[in-house]
Amino acid sequence: MYEYITGKLTYISPAYVVLDVQGVGYQIALGNPYRYSSKLEQTITIYVQQIIREDAHSLFGFETLAEKQLFLRLLSVSGIGPKSGLAIMANEDHQGLIQAIEAGDVNYLIKFPGVGKKTAQQMVLDLKGKLTELVENPMSLFYQGTDDNALAEAIEALQALGYSPKETKRAEKVLEKESYQSTDEYLRAALKLMMKK
């Protein structure tokens, strides 16, 4: 129904952002809401996918059309729902994800929250050879912005994506030694750590 929404970014939480469009606040779930930290109170465009369930009408957001297409392909896999799809999309190494699917690298895929061996094998089976047109897109922009609570917000965002307290605590210990300036940087680093475990 919706392709994208353009509005003023009024709120950022660990799981979603709010875009104000002529007085109506749209709550949009994102894999990494903090990538928009430097855009607060600015007008931005987010590509969206509306998903309607019995108990909820939700909007899932993406920075580019290519990201949205990748999300929709992930949802076509049995065993991957919107929350799992968003958690997979949060790791912004989409090229690595596509390469892992193409190579049948199940060990890489099971590192995502909510993806077990069976689901990873299904991803390879269903998506191999169907994502190649998305490989050429860089699909990443780097945002700047500082925040005193950056590490804590990044850990909250990891929990919102479905990582366990044990996993997030381990990441927090490693990241405490770093001196990143923004939540986005901490979250990107944390997601890379999660993929190495």
C-alpha atoms as a PDB file:
ATOM      1  CA  MET A   1       0.000   0.000   0.000  1.00  0.00           C
ATOM      2  CA  TYR A   2       2.781   2.474   0.930  1.00  0.00           C
ATOM      3  CA  GLU A   3       6.063   2.748  -1.002  1.00  0.00           C
ATOM      4  CA  TYR A   4       7.736   5.384   1.151  1.00  0.00           C
ATOM      5  CA  ILE A   5       6.910   8.060   3.713  1.00  0.00           C
ATOM      6  CA  THR A   6       8.500  11.501   3.821  1.00  0.00           C
ATOM      7  CA  GLY A   7       8.175  13.423   7.051  1.00  0.00           C
ATOM      8  CA  LYS A   8       9.916  15.072   9.966  1.00  0.00           C
ATOM      9  CA  LEU A   9      11.851  12.649  12.180  1.00  0.00           C
ATOM     10  CA  THR A  10      10.560  13.429  15.677  1.00  0.00           C
ATOM     11  CA  TYR A  11      11.555  10.397  17.783  1.00  0.00           C
ATOM     12  CA  ILE A  12      14.118   7.573  17.792  1.00  0.00           C
ATOM     13  CA  SER A  13      13.809   4.481  20.018  1.00  0.00           C
ATOM     14  CA  PRO A  14      15.755   1.184  20.062  1.00  0.00           C
ATOM     15  CA  ALA A  15      13.141  -0.475  17.836  1.00  0.00           C
ATOM     16  CA  TYR A  16      11.493   2.273  15.770  1.00  0.00           C
ATOM     17  CA  VAL A  17      11.364   5.897  14.688  1.00  0.00           C
ATOM     18  CA  VAL A  18       8.434   8.285  14.417  1.00  0.00           C
ATOM     19  CA  LEU A  19       7.920  10.380  11.279  1.00  0.00           C
ATOM     20  CA  ASP A  20       5.522  13.316  11.536  1.00  0.00           C
ATOM     21  CA  VAL A  21       3.596  13.839   8.308  1.00  0.00           C
ATOM     22  CA  GLN A  22       1.275  16.857   8.575  1.00  0.00           C
ATOM     23  CA  GLY A  23       0.500  16.197  12.226  1.00  0.00           C
ATOM     24  CA  VAL A  24       0.232  12.396  11.994  1.00  0.00           C
ATOM     25  CA  GLY A  25       3.025  10.407  13.646  1.00  0.00           C
ATOM     26  CA  TYR A  26       3.926   7.200  11.806  1.00  0.00           C
ATOM     27  CA  GLN A  27       5.718   4.592  13.919  1.00  0.00           C
ATOM     28  CA  ILE A  28       8.168   2.764  11.647  1.00  0.00           C
ATOM     29  CA  ALA A  29      10.098  -0.295  12.852  1.00  0.00           C
ATOM     30  CA  LEU A  30      13.739  -0.328  11.732  1.00  0.00           C
ATOM     31  CA  GLY A  31      16.643  -2.722  12.137  1.00  0.00           C
ATOM     32  CA  ASN A  32      18.931   0.129  13.219  1.00  0.00           C
ATOM     33  CA  PRO A  33      16.915   3.247  14.113  1.00  0.00           C
ATOM     34  CA  TYR A  34      20.071   5.018  15.286  1.00  0.00           C
ATOM     35  CA  ARG A  35      21.405   5.253  11.736  1.00  0.00           C
ATOM     36  CA  TYR A  36      19.118   8.307  11.594  1.00  0.00           C
ATOM     37  CA  SER A  37      20.484   9.964  14.774  1.00  0.00           C
ATOM     38  CA  SER A  38      21.951  12.902  12.880  1.00  0.00           C
ATOM     39  CA  LYS A  39      18.616  13.485  11.112  1.00  0.00           C
ATOM     40  CA  LEU A  40      16.453  14.185  14.189  1.00  0.00           C
ATOM     41  CA  GLU A  41      14.004  17.061  13.558  1.00  0.00           C
ATOM     42  CA  GLN A  42      14.838  16.947   9.822  1.00  0.00           C
ATOM     43  CA  THR A  43      12.642  15.859   6.931  1.00  0.00           C
ATOM     44  CA  ILE A  44      13.630  12.423   5.657  1.00  0.00           C
ATOM     45  CA  THR A  45      12.230   9.700   3.404  1.00  0.00           C
ATOM     46  CA  ILE A  46      11.974   6.086   4.543  1.00  0.00           C
ATOM     47  CA  TYR A  47      10.878   3.239   2.263  1.00  0.00           C
ATOM     48  CA  VAL A  48       8.204   1.219   4.054  1.00  0.00           C
ATOM     49  CA  GLN A  49       6.440  -2.107   3.942  1.00  0.00           C
ATOM     50  CA  GLN A  50       3.083  -2.399   5.691  1.00  0.00           C
ATOM     51  CA  ILE A  51       2.394  -5.784   7.256  1.00  0.00           C
ATOM     52  CA  ILE A  52      -1.057  -6.542   8.585  1.00  0.00           C
ATOM     53  CA  ARG A  53      -1.635  -9.277  11.138  1.00  0.00           C
ATOM     54  CA  GLU A  54      -4.674 -10.115  13.237  1.00  0.00           C
ATOM     55  CA  ASP A  55      -3.298  -8.204  16.210  1.00  0.00           C
ATOM     56  CA  ALA A  56      -1.273  -5.438  14.544  1.00  0.00           C
ATOM     57  CA  HIS A  57      -0.809  -3.167  11.550  1.00  0.00           C
ATOM     58  CA  SER A  58       2.930  -2.453  11.349  1.00  0.00           C
ATOM     59  CA  LEU A  59       5.215  -0.391   9.149  1.00  0.00           C
ATOM     60  CA  PHE A  60       8.753  -1.647   8.569  1.00  0.00           C
ATOM     61  CA  GLY A  61      11.246   0.876   7.247  1.00  0.00           C
ATOM     62  CA  PHE A  62      14.326   0.855   5.013  1.00  0.00           C
ATOM     63  CA  GLU A  63      16.794   3.421   3.817  1.00  0.00           C
ATOM     64  CA  THR A  64      16.723   2.277   0.187  1.00  0.00           C
ATOM     65  CA  LEU A  65      14.391   0.468  -2.174  1.00  0.00           C
ATOM     66  CA  ALA A  66      17.026  -2.283  -2.515  1.00  0.00           C
ATOM     67  CA  GLU A  67      16.912  -2.879   1.262  1.00  0.00           C
ATOM     68  CA  LYS A  68      13.124  -3.135   1.123  1.00  0.00           C
ATOM     69  CA  GLN A  69      13.345  -5.657  -1.721  1.00  0.00           C
ATOM     70  CA  LEU A  70      15.865  -7.737   0.235  1.00  0.00           C
ATOM     71  CA  PHE A  71      13.534  -7.702   3.269  1.00  0.00           C
ATOM     72  CA  LEU A  72      10.596  -8.874   1.134  1.00  0.00           C
ATOM     73  CA  ARG A  73      12.699 -11.713  -0.290  1.00  0.00           C
ATOM     74  CA  LEU A  74      13.641 -12.759   3.244  1.00  0.00           C
ATOM     75  CA  LEU A  75       9.953 -12.815   4.220  1.00  0.00           C
ATOM     76  CA  SER A  76       9.282 -15.253   1.372  1.00  0.00           C
ATOM     77  CA  VAL A  77      11.342 -17.861   3.247  1.00  0.00           C
ATOM     78  CA  SER A  78       9.358 -20.225   5.461  1.00  0.00           C
ATOM     79  CA  GLY A  79      10.323 -19.589   9.081  1.00  0.00           C
ATOM     80  CA  ILE A  80      11.250 -15.907   8.664  1.00  0.00           C
ATOM     81  CA  GLY A  81       8.725 -13.379   9.902  1.00  0.00           C
ATOM     82  CA  PRO A  82       8.938  -9.583   9.890  1.00  0.00           C
ATOM     83  CA  LYS A  83      10.806  -9.388  13.216  1.00  0.00           C
ATOM     84  CA  SER A  84      13.416 -11.962  12.142  1.00  0.00           C
ATOM     85  CA  GLY A  85      13.706 -10.292   8.732  1.00  0.00           C
ATOM     86  CA  LEU A  86      14.325  -6.922  10.373  1.00  0.00           C
ATOM     87  CA  ALA A  87      16.923  -8.436  12.732  1.00  0.00           C
ATOM     88  CA  ILE A  88      18.749  -9.892   9.722  1.00  0.00           C
ATOM     89  CA  MET A  89      18.565  -6.526   7.936  1.00  0.00           C
ATOM     90  CA  ALA A  90      20.003  -4.741  11.007  1.00  0.00           C
ATOM     91  CA  ASN A  91      23.447  -6.081  10.157  1.00  0.00           C
ATOM     92  CA  GLU A  92      24.163  -3.693   7.330  1.00  0.00           C
ATOM     93  CA  ASP A  93      26.597  -6.032   5.588  1.00  0.00           C
ATOM     94  CA  HIS A  94      23.938  -6.964   3.053  1.00  0.00           C
ATOM     95  CA  GLN A  95      26.601  -7.950   0.531  1.00  0.00           C
ATOM     96  CA  GLY A  96      27.942 -10.469   3.067  1.00  0.00           C
ATOM     97  CA  LEU A  97      24.428 -11.816   3.642  1.00  0.00           C
ATOM     98  CA  ILE A  98      23.828 -12.254  -0.080  1.00  0.00           C
ATOM     99  CA  GLN A  99      27.241 -13.871  -0.569  1.00  0.00           C
ATOM    100  CA  ALA A 100      26.555 -16.297   2.310  1.00  0.00           C
ATOM    101  CA  ILE A 101      23.240 -17.296   0.725  1.00  0.00           C
ATOM    102  CA  GLU A 102      24.863 -17.728  -2.687  1.00  0.00           C
ATOM    103  CA  ALA A 103      27.684 -19.807  -1.169  1.00  0.00           C
ATOM    104  CA  GLY A 104      25.309 -21.865   0.991  1.00  0.00           C
ATOM    105  CA  ASP A 105      27.176 -20.736   4.141  1.00  0.00           C
ATOM    106  CA  VAL A 106      24.747 -21.991   6.798  1.00  0.00           C
ATOM    107  CA  ASN A 107      27.226 -21.302   9.635  1.00  0.00           C
ATOM    108  CA  TYR A 108      27.176 -17.573   8.773  1.00  0.00           C
ATOM    109  CA  LEU A 109      23.374 -17.461   8.535  1.00  0.00           C
ATOM    110  CA  ILE A 110      22.680 -19.136  11.901  1.00  0.00           C
ATOM    111  CA  LYS A 111      24.444 -16.249  13.654  1.00  0.00           C
ATOM    112  CA  PHE A 112      21.365 -14.075  13.122  1.00  0.00           C
ATOM    113  CA  PRO A 113      18.827 -14.045  15.997  1.00  0.00           C
ATOM    114  CA  GLY A 114      15.928 -16.400  15.363  1.00  0.00           C
ATOM    115  CA  VAL A 115      17.685 -18.244  12.523  1.00  0.00           C
ATOM    116  CA  GLY A 116      18.390 -21.898  13.227  1.00  0.00           C
ATOM    117  CA  LYS A 117      20.028 -24.434  10.976  1.00  0.00           C
ATOM    118  CA  LYS A 118      16.752 -25.461   9.322  1.00  0.00           C
ATOM    119  CA  THR A 119      15.782 -21.848   8.547  1.00  0.00           C
ATOM    120  CA  ALA A 120      19.291 -21.088   7.267  1.00  0.00           C
ATOM    121  CA  GLN A 121      19.118 -24.071   4.911  1.00  0.00           C
ATOM    122  CA  GLN A 122      15.678 -22.901   3.755  1.00  0.00           C
ATOM    123  CA  MET A 123      17.107 -19.417   3.068  1.00  0.00           C
ATOM    124  CA  VAL A 124      19.764 -20.928   0.817  1.00  0.00           C
ATOM    125  CA  LEU A 125      17.229 -23.178  -0.908  1.00  0.00           C
ATOM    126  CA  ASP A 126      14.670 -20.413  -1.514  1.00  0.00           C
ATOM    127  CA  LEU A 127      16.929 -17.429  -2.245  1.00  0.00           C
ATOM    128  CA  LYS A 128      20.075 -18.735  -3.935  1.00  0.00           C
ATOM    129  CA  GLY A 129      20.359 -17.122  -7.362  1.00  0.00           C
ATOM    130  CA  LYS A 130      17.485 -14.710  -6.676  1.00  0.00           C
ATOM    131  CA  LEU A 131      19.411 -11.877  -5.018  1.00  0.00           C
ATOM    132  CA  THR A 132      22.149 -11.186  -7.546  1.00  0.00           C
ATOM    133  CA  GLU A 133      20.599  -7.949  -8.844  1.00  0.00           C
ATOM    134  CA  LEU A 134      20.844  -6.514  -5.318  1.00  0.00           C
ATOM    135  CA  VAL A 135      24.593  -7.170  -4.982  1.00  0.00           C
ATOM    136  CA  GLU A 136      25.713  -4.104  -6.943  1.00  0.00           C
ATOM    137  CA  ASN A 137      23.971  -1.681  -4.569  1.00  0.00           C
ATOM    138  CA  PRO A 138      26.206  -0.239  -1.837  1.00  0.00           C
ATOM    139  CA  MET A 139      23.144   0.000   0.450  1.00  0.00           C
ATOM    140  CA  SER A 140      24.986   1.864   3.199  1.00  0.00           C
ATOM    141  CA  LEU A 141      25.439   5.451   4.220  1.00  0.00           C
ATOM    142  CA  PHE A 142      27.404   6.524   7.245  1.00  0.00           C
ATOM    143  CA  TYR A 143      25.832   8.840   9.763  1.00  0.00           C
ATOM    144  CA  GLN A 144      27.480  11.023  12.375  1.00  0.00           C
ATOM    145  CA  GLY A 145      26.067  12.089  15.699  1.00  0.00           C
ATOM    146  CA  THR A 146      27.029  11.933  19.342  1.00  0.00           C
ATOM    147  CA  ASP A 147      25.183  10.785  22.414  1.00  0.00           C
ATOM    148  CA  ASP A 148      26.252  10.245  26.038  1.00  0.00           C
ATOM    149  CA  ASN A 149      24.085   7.136  26.273  1.00  0.00           C
ATOM    150  CA  ALA A 150      25.261   5.739  22.940  1.00  0.00           C
ATOM    151  CA  LEU A 151      26.455   2.363  24.231  1.00  0.00           C
ATOM    152  CA  ALA A 152      23.361   1.802  26.396  1.00  0.00           C
ATOM    153  CA  GLU A 153      21.063   2.665  23.469  1.00  0.00           C
ATOM    154  CA  ALA A 154      22.968   0.294  21.186  1.00  0.00           C
ATOM    155  CA  ILE A 155      22.555  -2.540  23.722  1.00  0.00           C
ATOM    156  CA  GLU A 156      18.818  -1.747  23.976  1.00  0.00           C
ATOM    157  CA  ALA A 157      18.567  -1.904  20.188  1.00  0.00           C
ATOM    158  CA  LEU A 158      20.277  -5.322  20.175  1.00  0.00           C
ATOM    159  CA  GLN A 159      17.719  -6.584  22.705  1.00  0.00           C
ATOM    160  CA  ALA A 160      14.885  -5.166  20.576  1.00  0.00           C
ATOM    161  CA  LEU A 161      16.281  -7.191  17.658  1.00  0.00           C
ATOM    162  CA  GLY A 162      16.023 -10.413  19.674  1.00  0.00           C
ATOM    163  CA  TYR A 163      19.545 -10.962  20.970  1.00  0.00           C
ATOM    164  CA  SER A 164      19.616 -12.540  24.460  1.00  0.00           C
ATOM    165  CA  PRO A 165      20.796 -10.654  27.578  1.00  0.00           C
ATOM    166  CA  LYS A 166      23.799 -13.007  27.722  1.00  0.00           C
ATOM    167  CA  GLU A 167      24.770 -12.124  24.145  1.00  0.00           C
ATOM    168  CA  THR A 168      24.282  -8.386  24.651  1.00  0.00           C
ATOM    169  CA  LYS A 169      26.266  -8.413  27.912  1.00  0.00           C
ATOM    170  CA  ARG A 170      29.189 -10.060  26.123  1.00  0.00           C
ATOM    171  CA  ALA A 171      29.045  -7.424  23.370  1.00  0.00           C
ATOM    172  CA  GLU A 172      28.771  -4.616  25.925  1.00  0.00           C
ATOM    173  CA  LYS A 173      31.978  -5.745  27.687  1.00  0.00           C
ATOM    174  CA  VAL A 174      33.893  -5.612  24.405  1.00  0.00           C
ATOM    175  CA  LEU A 175      32.409  -2.290  23.313  1.00  0.00           C
ATOM    176  CA  GLU A 176      33.081  -0.565  26.659  1.00  0.00           C
ATOM    177  CA  LYS A 177      36.754  -0.528  25.632  1.00  0.00           C
ATOM    178  CA  GLU A 178      35.941   1.375  22.422  1.00  0.00           C
ATOM    179  CA  SER A 179      35.453   5.130  22.084  1.00  0.00           C
ATOM    180  CA  TYR A 180      32.744   5.450  19.449  1.00  0.00           C
ATOM    181  CA  GLN A 181      30.874   8.738  19.312  1.00  0.00           C
ATOM    182  CA  SER A 182      27.369   7.607  18.352  1.00  0.00           C
ATOM    183  CA  THR A 183      24.809   4.901  19.025  1.00  0.00           C
ATOM    184  CA  ASP A 184      24.910   4.032  15.337  1.00  0.00           C
ATOM    185  CA  GLU A 185      28.666   3.309  15.504  1.00  0.00           C
ATOM    186  CA  TYR A 186      28.270   1.196  18.654  1.00  0.00           C
ATOM    187  CA  LEU A 187      25.365  -0.716  17.115  1.00  0.00           C
ATOM    188  CA  ARG A 188      27.241  -1.406  13.872  1.00  0.00           C
ATOM    189  CA  ALA A 189      30.244  -2.658  15.861  1.00  0.00           C
ATOM    190  CA  ALA A 190      27.994  -4.776  18.102  1.00  0.00           C
ATOM    191  CA  LEU A 191      26.281  -6.389  15.120  1.00  0.00           C
ATOM    192  CA  LYS A 192      29.673  -7.250  13.612  1.00  0.00           C
ATOM    193  CA  LEU A 193      30.649  -8.844  16.942  1.00  0.00           C
ATOM    194  CA  MET A 194      27.448 -10.893  16.969  1.00  0.00           C
ATOM    195  CA  MET A 195      28.272 -12.252  13.520  1.00  0.00           C
ATOM    196  CA  LYS A 196      31.728 -13.411  14.689  1.00  0.00           C
ATOM    197  CA  LYS A 197      30.568 -15.464  17.662  1.00  0.00           C
END
